[in-house]
Amino acid sequence: MVRLLPLELPSGKKILWKQVDAEKIEIFVDKNSARGGNAKPIVIKRFIEVNELLFEGLGLRFGDGSRIQGGKFNVFGYSNTEIEQLKNFLVFSRESLGIEPSNFNVKISLSPKDKSKIEEIKEKVSRELNIPFEKFWEPKIFDKRNLPFIDIKIQSTLLGMVVNSIFDEVKDILFSSKLFSACFLRGVIAGEANVNVRKEGRLGEISIAAEGEDRRNFLRRLLLNLGIQPNKDKTIEDQEAVCITGLSNFKIVKEWDLIKLSPNKKENFEKGMSGFKIEQSRKGELRLKVLQLLSEKSRTRQELGKLLNRSPDTIKTEALYVLERQGLVEREGIVNKARLWKITEKGLEILKDKEALEKLRSR
């Protein structure tokens, strides 16, 4: 058992606590211990369980939650356009910390086109998050806002300090457990990641916004703990990010379900991953057709390209070189300065296999 409660505020006022019931304590300041205003007391769980939910919630706060802290200690909350992410944060607050949704204030920012729907949006947010109307602040209208942006927060220096203290105490555990690394990254990716699907429908990059080299190195260590090899960081001001590329890395992201806390990002991720399957299918079909044509007679890559309506370079890199490494084709002579390719006995055998296409896809 470890003490997580800070001893004093930045002002020097002593932090005290008293038992409320079997599970919760009230945290308050000694009004006479130093000059200045008095922080509002908070009620929180006495014992904080170190589990998956705790790290997912701390990951959310490390991401989008940290943007609305308004200083190092004086705010606890989360902001996003996705209602599901806000629900996840409230589950973390209630189950891990003992803080009920009704304790949060809500501010909604929206575009002028949604101005007529303000009451409808407020009603939906109140119902979905289980936060009463009296906790809603006046909505704000922003010309550049596309989707309603929901900001839930509790103004509390004490609560902010306690949660920061919890994170500081448990963050080293992240590197001793792959599961906890994954949980924390789920929260960060939900709030801070951009899932980029290329025009051709294939997943290109997952970039996790992280300002400052220390934050980026922290995230890189977590990714490496799972076996994910991050690409070179983006370091341009206002675009700083840790980047994940490559199918082998994306498979690990999928294995640990790192996109699970954001429905929109998960949909994009799955769409992008299916693009790899389509590409592999196309490559398998191309290799099968090349083998079938070579089973008729030896041909050059230029001849194969014309017959299959593909460029000679594509035939070479996506089919011939791959098939050669597998011993299914081999080089023959030169005709008019072009290399002839022929099928091998092993290549003829695979053409007889009912699972030939599936096997060629995965090669």
Protein backbone atom coordinates (compact mmCIF):
# COMPACT_ATOMS: atom_id res chain seq x y z
CA MET A 1 0.00 0.00 0.00
CA VAL A 2 1.39 3.39 -1.08
CA ARG A 3 0.36 6.90 0.01
CA LEU A 4 -0.78 8.86 -3.05
CA LEU A 5 -2.08 12.00 -1.37
CA PRO A 6 0.19 15.07 -1.75
CA LEU A 7 1.28 16.68 1.51
CA GLU A 8 0.51 20.28 0.53
CA LEU A 9 -0.74 22.62 -2.19
CA PRO A 10 1.66 24.85 -4.18
CA SER A 11 0.54 27.64 -1.84
CA GLY A 12 1.97 25.73 1.12
CA LYS A 13 -1.41 24.83 2.64
CA LYS A 14 -1.41 21.39 4.24
CA ILE A 15 -3.61 18.69 2.68
CA LEU A 16 -5.65 16.61 5.14
CA TRP A 17 -8.26 13.86 4.88
CA LYS A 18 -10.96 12.16 6.90
CA GLN A 19 -12.95 8.95 6.49
CA VAL A 20 -16.44 9.40 4.98
CA ASP A 21 -17.48 5.74 4.81
CA ALA A 22 -15.86 2.33 4.33
CA GLU A 23 -14.69 3.16 0.80
CA LYS A 24 -14.34 6.94 0.51
CA ILE A 25 -12.46 9.80 2.11
CA GLU A 26 -12.89 13.58 2.03
CA ILE A 27 -9.75 15.52 1.13
CA PHE A 28 -9.47 19.14 2.30
CA VAL A 29 -6.90 21.76 3.27
CA ASP A 30 -5.87 23.10 6.64
CA LYS A 31 -7.15 26.67 6.35
CA ASN A 32 -4.71 27.97 8.93
CA SER A 33 -1.54 26.33 7.57
CA ALA A 34 -0.75 29.11 5.05
CA ARG A 35 -2.13 32.27 3.52
CA GLY A 36 -4.39 32.39 0.47
CA GLY A 37 -7.70 30.92 -0.63
CA ASN A 38 -8.96 27.52 0.37
CA ALA A 39 -9.39 24.72 -2.17
CA LYS A 40 -12.83 23.13 -2.26
CA PRO A 41 -12.91 19.71 -0.52
CA ILE A 42 -13.32 16.58 -2.67
CA VAL A 43 -14.60 13.06 -1.95
CA ILE A 44 -12.70 10.21 -3.57
CA LYS A 45 -12.01 6.50 -3.08
CA ARG A 46 -9.61 5.80 -0.27
CA PHE A 47 -8.00 2.86 -2.08
CA ILE A 48 -7.22 3.11 -5.80
CA GLU A 49 -7.04 -0.26 -7.56
CA VAL A 50 -4.29 -0.63 -10.15
CA ASN A 51 -6.06 -2.30 -13.08
CA GLU A 52 -6.78 -2.00 -16.82
CA LEU A 53 -9.49 0.63 -16.39
CA LEU A 54 -7.21 2.88 -14.32
CA PHE A 55 -4.56 2.92 -17.05
CA GLU A 56 -7.09 3.44 -19.85
CA GLY A 57 -8.47 6.43 -17.96
CA LEU A 58 -5.03 7.85 -17.21
CA GLY A 59 -4.23 7.43 -20.92
CA LEU A 60 -7.32 9.42 -21.86
CA ARG A 61 -6.30 12.19 -19.47
CA PHE A 62 -2.70 12.11 -20.76
CA GLY A 63 -4.14 12.71 -24.22
CA ASP A 64 -7.15 14.98 -24.64
CA GLY A 65 -7.65 15.37 -20.90
CA SER A 66 -4.35 17.20 -20.44
CA ARG A 67 -5.38 19.91 -22.90
CA ILE A 68 -8.08 21.27 -20.64
CA GLN A 69 -6.20 21.26 -17.35
CA GLY A 70 -5.90 25.05 -17.43
CA GLY A 71 -2.66 24.82 -15.51
CA LYS A 72 -0.91 21.91 -13.90
CA PHE A 73 -3.37 21.12 -11.15
CA ASN A 74 -6.65 22.99 -11.21
CA VAL A 75 -8.86 20.98 -13.61
CA PHE A 76 -9.88 17.36 -13.96
CA GLY A 77 -11.80 16.49 -17.10
CA TYR A 78 -11.94 15.45 -20.73
CA SER A 79 -13.05 16.97 -24.03
CA ASN A 80 -13.92 15.41 -27.37
CA THR A 81 -16.48 15.25 -30.16
CA GLU A 82 -17.13 11.52 -29.61
CA ILE A 83 -19.72 10.83 -26.94
CA GLU A 84 -18.36 7.30 -26.42
CA GLN A 85 -14.97 8.64 -25.37
CA LEU A 86 -16.60 10.88 -22.79
CA LYS A 87 -18.57 7.90 -21.49
CA ASN A 88 -15.33 5.96 -21.13
CA PHE A 89 -13.78 8.80 -19.15
CA LEU A 90 -16.79 8.96 -16.84
CA VAL A 91 -16.65 5.19 -16.25
CA PHE A 92 -12.98 5.58 -15.27
CA SER A 93 -13.84 8.50 -12.97
CA ARG A 94 -16.63 6.60 -11.24
CA GLU A 95 -15.14 3.09 -11.03
CA SER A 96 -11.49 3.97 -10.41
CA LEU A 97 -11.80 7.20 -8.42
CA GLY A 98 -15.33 7.16 -7.02
CA ILE A 99 -16.34 10.42 -8.76
CA GLU A 100 -19.91 10.42 -10.08
CA PRO A 101 -20.87 11.95 -13.46
CA SER A 102 -23.16 14.45 -11.72
CA ASN A 103 -20.07 16.17 -10.26
CA PHE A 104 -18.92 17.32 -13.71
CA ASN A 105 -19.78 20.57 -15.44
CA VAL A 106 -20.43 20.52 -19.19
CA LYS A 107 -19.65 23.07 -21.89
CA ILE A 108 -20.66 22.45 -25.50
CA SER A 109 -19.11 24.30 -28.42
CA LEU A 110 -20.82 24.12 -31.80
CA SER A 111 -20.96 25.65 -35.26
CA PRO A 112 -23.53 28.27 -36.35
CA LYS A 113 -25.35 25.60 -38.43
CA ASP A 114 -26.11 23.68 -35.22
CA LYS A 115 -27.32 26.72 -33.29
CA SER A 116 -30.98 25.80 -33.77
CA LYS A 117 -30.29 22.33 -32.34
CA ILE A 118 -28.70 23.47 -29.08
CA GLU A 119 -31.47 22.19 -26.80
CA GLU A 120 -31.69 18.90 -28.67
CA ILE A 121 -27.92 18.39 -28.40
CA LYS A 122 -27.91 19.32 -24.70
CA GLU A 123 -30.72 16.86 -24.02
CA LYS A 124 -28.85 14.06 -25.80
CA VAL A 125 -25.56 14.79 -24.02
CA SER A 126 -27.30 14.99 -20.64
CA ARG A 127 -29.06 11.66 -21.25
CA GLU A 128 -25.99 9.86 -22.62
CA LEU A 129 -23.58 11.09 -19.93
CA ASN A 130 -26.06 11.09 -17.04
CA ILE A 131 -25.20 14.68 -16.14
CA PRO A 132 -28.13 16.93 -15.10
CA PHE A 133 -29.02 20.09 -17.05
CA GLU A 134 -28.10 22.38 -14.15
CA LYS A 135 -24.46 21.34 -14.63
CA PHE A 136 -24.40 22.69 -18.21
CA TRP A 137 -22.72 26.00 -18.94
CA GLU A 138 -23.81 28.37 -21.69
CA PRO A 139 -22.97 26.84 -25.11
CA LYS A 140 -20.40 28.59 -27.29
CA ILE A 141 -20.67 29.16 -31.04
CA PHE A 142 -17.52 28.92 -33.19
CA ASP A 143 -17.41 29.47 -36.94
CA LYS A 144 -14.66 26.89 -37.44
CA ARG A 145 -16.34 24.15 -35.38
CA ASN A 146 -17.61 21.24 -37.50
CA LEU A 147 -18.98 18.81 -34.91
CA PRO A 148 -20.31 19.63 -31.43
CA PHE A 149 -17.33 19.63 -29.04
CA ILE A 150 -18.11 18.49 -25.50
CA ASP A 151 -15.96 19.54 -22.56
CA ILE A 152 -16.63 17.92 -19.15
CA LYS A 153 -14.63 19.12 -16.17
CA ILE A 154 -14.38 19.58 -12.44
CA GLN A 155 -12.58 22.72 -11.28
CA SER A 156 -10.53 21.39 -8.40
CA THR A 157 -6.92 22.00 -7.50
CA LEU A 158 -7.07 19.13 -5.01
CA LEU A 159 -8.50 16.61 -7.47
CA GLY A 160 -6.07 17.63 -10.20
CA MET A 161 -3.12 17.18 -7.82
CA VAL A 162 -4.35 13.81 -6.55
CA VAL A 163 -4.80 12.38 -10.07
CA ASN A 164 -1.39 13.69 -11.13
CA SER A 165 0.09 12.08 -8.03
CA ILE A 166 -1.57 8.76 -8.90
CA PHE A 167 -0.09 8.88 -12.39
CA ASP A 168 3.39 9.75 -11.13
CA GLU A 169 3.24 6.83 -8.69
CA VAL A 170 2.07 4.15 -11.14
CA LYS A 171 3.62 5.18 -14.46
CA ASP A 172 6.71 3.00 -13.99
CA ILE A 173 4.40 -0.04 -13.73
CA LEU A 174 3.47 0.58 -17.37
CA PHE A 175 6.83 -0.70 -18.55
CA SER A 176 6.70 -3.88 -16.47
CA SER A 177 3.40 -5.00 -17.99
CA LYS A 178 2.56 -5.20 -21.70
CA LEU A 179 -1.13 -5.27 -20.80
CA PHE A 180 -0.91 -2.02 -18.85
CA SER A 181 1.17 -0.44 -21.65
CA ALA A 182 -1.60 -1.37 -24.08
CA CYS A 183 -4.34 -0.02 -21.79
CA PHE A 184 -2.62 3.33 -21.38
CA LEU A 185 -1.99 3.59 -25.14
CA ARG A 186 -5.68 2.88 -25.82
CA GLY A 187 -6.56 6.02 -23.89
CA VAL A 188 -3.88 8.17 -25.52
CA ILE A 189 -4.72 6.95 -29.04
CA ALA A 190 -8.45 7.56 -28.50
CA GLY A 191 -7.84 11.22 -27.73
CA GLU A 192 -4.69 12.05 -29.66
CA ALA A 193 -4.29 9.77 -32.69
CA ASN A 194 -5.08 10.34 -36.32
CA VAL A 195 -5.72 7.17 -38.36
CA ASN A 196 -4.75 7.94 -41.95
CA VAL A 197 -6.25 5.74 -44.70
CA ARG A 198 -4.71 6.32 -48.13
CA LYS A 199 -6.73 7.04 -51.27
CA GLU A 200 -6.34 3.44 -52.43
CA GLY A 201 -8.07 2.32 -49.22
CA ARG A 202 -5.02 1.00 -47.36
CA LEU A 203 -3.96 2.10 -43.88
CA GLY A 204 -0.98 4.43 -44.23
CA GLU A 205 -0.14 5.84 -40.80
CA ILE A 206 -1.27 6.23 -37.22
CA SER A 207 0.11 9.46 -35.80
CA ILE A 208 -0.20 10.21 -32.08
CA ALA A 209 -0.01 13.92 -31.32
CA ALA A 210 2.52 14.57 -28.56
CA GLU A 211 4.05 17.95 -27.85
CA GLY A 212 7.62 17.87 -26.61
CA GLU A 213 10.40 15.32 -26.88
CA ASP A 214 9.83 13.94 -23.36
CA ARG A 215 6.19 13.05 -24.08
CA ARG A 216 7.08 11.53 -27.45
CA ASN A 217 9.88 9.44 -25.93
CA PHE A 218 7.50 8.25 -23.21
CA LEU A 219 5.00 7.06 -25.83
CA ARG A 220 7.74 5.51 -27.96
CA ARG A 221 8.88 3.44 -24.96
CA LEU A 222 5.34 2.17 -24.45
CA LEU A 223 5.01 1.22 -28.12
CA LEU A 224 8.38 -0.53 -28.09
CA ASN A 225 7.26 -2.47 -25.01
CA LEU A 226 4.55 -4.04 -27.20
CA GLY A 227 6.96 -4.73 -30.06
CA ILE A 228 5.79 -1.78 -32.19
CA GLN A 229 8.67 0.00 -33.92
CA PRO A 230 7.68 3.69 -34.30
CA ASN A 231 8.73 5.61 -37.39
CA LYS A 232 10.62 8.90 -37.18
CA ASP A 233 8.74 11.49 -35.07
CA LYS A 234 7.11 14.53 -36.60
CA THR A 235 8.79 17.51 -34.93
CA ILE A 236 7.31 20.51 -36.78
CA GLU A 237 5.69 22.95 -34.34
CA ASP A 238 1.95 22.28 -33.86
CA GLN A 239 2.33 19.00 -35.79
CA GLU A 240 4.50 17.06 -33.32
CA ALA A 241 3.61 13.37 -33.25
CA VAL A 242 4.80 9.81 -32.80
CA CYS A 243 4.17 7.88 -36.02
CA ILE A 244 3.33 4.21 -36.60
CA THR A 245 3.63 2.77 -40.12
CA GLY A 246 3.93 -0.69 -41.68
CA LEU A 247 1.69 -3.74 -41.71
CA SER A 248 3.72 -5.61 -39.07
CA ASN A 249 3.19 -2.73 -36.62
CA PHE A 250 -0.50 -2.41 -37.53
CA LYS A 251 -0.99 -6.11 -36.77
CA ILE A 252 0.33 -5.53 -33.24
CA VAL A 253 -2.00 -2.53 -32.88
CA LYS A 254 -4.86 -4.85 -33.85
CA GLU A 255 -3.64 -7.67 -31.58
CA TRP A 256 -3.73 -5.38 -28.52
CA ASP A 257 -6.92 -3.61 -29.68
CA LEU A 258 -5.27 -0.21 -29.23
CA ILE A 259 -8.02 1.64 -31.14
CA LYS A 260 -10.94 0.23 -29.11
CA LEU A 261 -11.88 3.39 -27.17
CA SER A 262 -12.69 5.51 -30.25
CA PRO A 263 -15.47 4.12 -32.49
CA ASN A 264 -14.65 6.51 -35.35
CA LYS A 265 -10.92 5.78 -35.33
CA LYS A 266 -11.57 2.04 -35.01
CA GLU A 267 -13.84 2.13 -38.07
CA ASN A 268 -11.10 3.89 -40.08
CA PHE A 269 -8.48 1.46 -38.80
CA GLU A 270 -10.49 -1.61 -39.80
CA LYS A 271 -11.25 -0.09 -43.19
CA GLY A 272 -7.53 0.57 -43.71
CA MET A 273 -6.58 -2.94 -42.60
CA SER A 274 -9.09 -4.47 -45.02
CA GLY A 275 -7.26 -2.53 -47.73
CA PHE A 276 -4.20 -4.67 -47.02
CA LYS A 277 -6.32 -7.81 -47.45
CA ILE A 278 -7.60 -6.57 -50.81
CA GLU A 279 -4.06 -5.79 -51.90
CA GLN A 280 -2.80 -9.20 -50.78
CA SER A 281 -5.70 -10.81 -52.65
CA ARG A 282 -4.81 -8.90 -55.80
CA LYS A 283 -1.17 -9.87 -55.44
CA GLY A 284 -2.14 -13.52 -54.99
CA GLU A 285 -4.31 -13.44 -58.10
CA LEU A 286 -1.51 -11.78 -60.07
CA ARG A 287 1.00 -14.44 -59.01
CA LEU A 288 -1.42 -17.23 -59.88
CA LYS A 289 -2.04 -15.78 -63.35
CA VAL A 290 1.71 -15.40 -63.93
CA LEU A 291 2.25 -19.07 -63.03
CA GLN A 292 -0.60 -20.13 -65.32
CA LEU A 293 0.86 -18.18 -68.25
CA LEU A 294 4.36 -19.51 -67.62
CA SER A 295 2.98 -23.05 -67.49
CA GLU A 296 2.12 -22.58 -71.18
CA LYS A 297 5.59 -21.35 -72.16
CA SER A 298 8.49 -19.18 -70.99
CA ARG A 299 7.84 -15.44 -71.22
CA THR A 300 9.46 -12.08 -70.45
CA ARG A 301 8.06 -9.68 -67.89
CA GLN A 302 7.15 -7.34 -70.73
CA GLU A 303 5.06 -10.08 -72.37
CA LEU A 304 3.41 -10.94 -69.06
CA GLY A 305 2.66 -7.26 -68.46
CA LYS A 306 0.86 -6.90 -71.80
CA LEU A 307 -1.17 -10.06 -71.24
CA LEU A 308 -2.20 -9.06 -67.70
CA ASN A 309 -2.50 -5.31 -68.30
CA ARG A 310 0.08 -4.56 -65.62
CA SER A 311 3.38 -2.70 -65.82
CA PRO A 312 6.56 -4.78 -66.28
CA ASP A 313 7.90 -3.39 -62.99
CA THR A 314 4.79 -4.57 -61.11
CA ILE A 315 5.10 -8.01 -62.70
CA LYS A 316 8.74 -8.12 -61.61
CA THR A 317 8.43 -6.91 -58.00
CA GLU A 318 4.99 -8.24 -57.02
CA ALA A 319 5.09 -11.58 -58.84
CA LEU A 320 8.31 -12.83 -60.44
CA TYR A 321 10.72 -11.94 -57.62
CA VAL A 322 8.35 -13.31 -54.98
CA LEU A 323 7.75 -16.52 -56.93
CA GLU A 324 11.48 -16.90 -57.56
CA ARG A 325 12.25 -16.71 -53.83
CA GLN A 326 9.73 -19.52 -53.31
CA GLY A 327 11.30 -21.67 -56.02
CA LEU A 328 8.18 -21.53 -58.20
CA VAL A 329 9.82 -19.79 -61.19
CA GLU A 330 13.38 -19.35 -62.38
CA ARG A 331 15.30 -17.29 -64.89
CA GLU A 332 16.00 -18.72 -68.31
CA GLY A 333 17.82 -17.13 -71.23
CA ILE A 334 17.79 -13.67 -72.82
CA VAL A 335 15.61 -12.87 -75.84
CA ASN A 336 16.02 -9.49 -77.56
CA LYS A 337 17.80 -8.18 -74.44
CA ALA A 338 14.87 -9.22 -72.22
CA ARG A 339 15.00 -11.87 -69.52
CA LEU A 340 12.93 -15.01 -70.04
CA TRP A 341 11.21 -16.60 -67.06
CA LYS A 342 9.99 -20.19 -66.78
CA ILE A 343 7.95 -22.18 -64.29
CA THR A 344 9.64 -24.84 -62.16
CA GLU A 345 8.38 -28.30 -61.23
CA LYS A 346 7.45 -26.90 -57.82
CA GLY A 347 5.48 -24.17 -59.60
CA LEU A 348 3.59 -26.73 -61.68
CA GLU A 349 2.76 -28.67 -58.51
CA ILE A 350 1.24 -25.66 -56.75
CA LEU A 351 -1.04 -25.04 -59.74
CA LYS A 352 -2.64 -28.42 -58.98
CA ASP A 353 -3.30 -27.40 -55.37
CA LYS A 354 -6.92 -26.33 -54.61
CA GLU A 355 -5.52 -23.85 -52.07
CA ALA A 356 -3.06 -22.33 -54.55
CA LEU A 357 -4.60 -18.83 -54.53
CA GLU A 358 -4.73 -18.64 -50.75
CA LYS A 359 -1.13 -19.83 -50.46
CA LEU A 360 0.09 -17.32 -53.04
CA ARG A 361 -1.70 -14.46 -51.25
CA SER A 362 0.25 -15.01 -48.06
CA ARG A 363 3.67 -15.34 -49.64
